[in-house]
Amino acid sequence: MTTAPPPVPRTARPTGAGVIGMLYMIFGGLGFLGSVIGVAVVPLFGRISEEVVQSDPTLEAYLDLFASPIFPLMLAMTLVQSALATAGGFGLWTMKPWGRRLGETATWVWLGTTLLTTAISYTWVQDILAATVELEGESVPAGFEAMINAITVGSIVFNVILYGGLFGWAIYYLRKPHVKAAYGD
């Protein structure tokens, strides 16, 4: 009479992987929701009348972004990033064998799109700033441009440090031997 081998005990989910998984599902879902709202809102910008633009000429600089190919590109990047993050988070949370690898891939994509969209946003803010200064002429306070640049550069530095640190930690953690072992790698 043959006996079945004893069941292999399932490795407990590493705490950090569970936290990363849950955060990725939450923020991936929010990113997806924001992208869907962005896609729904874009046609509304095409309906803004010339009258409204003439009453506030700086609005034209904002509308130019939505009319350019940059905005749909940013939406597409966010959709891909959000789908990867949500799926990777689900895989990490449910201990799927592919969860760690997809979670790490999602982290790299998220870091890359964050840096790229930060650079695009900075360029866009500079274009709007230039249009505002050009339209306002003499009425722009002397320190206005310096203040906007300081805020923009400060937010870029904050984004790079915050997201770079968080994503760097996630990549480091997901590559730890005990995490790899828990996911069968």
Foldseek 3Di string as FASTA:
>chain_A
DDDDDDDDDADDQPPVLLVQLVVLQVVLVVLQVVLVVVVVCLVVLVPDDPVVCVVPVLVVLVNVCSVDPVSVVLSVLSNVLSVLSNVLSVCSNVLALCNLVSNLVSLVSVLVSLLVVLVVVLVSLVSSVVVVCVVVPPPDDPCNVVVSVVVSVVVSVVSCVVSVVVSVVSNVVSPDPVNNVSSPD
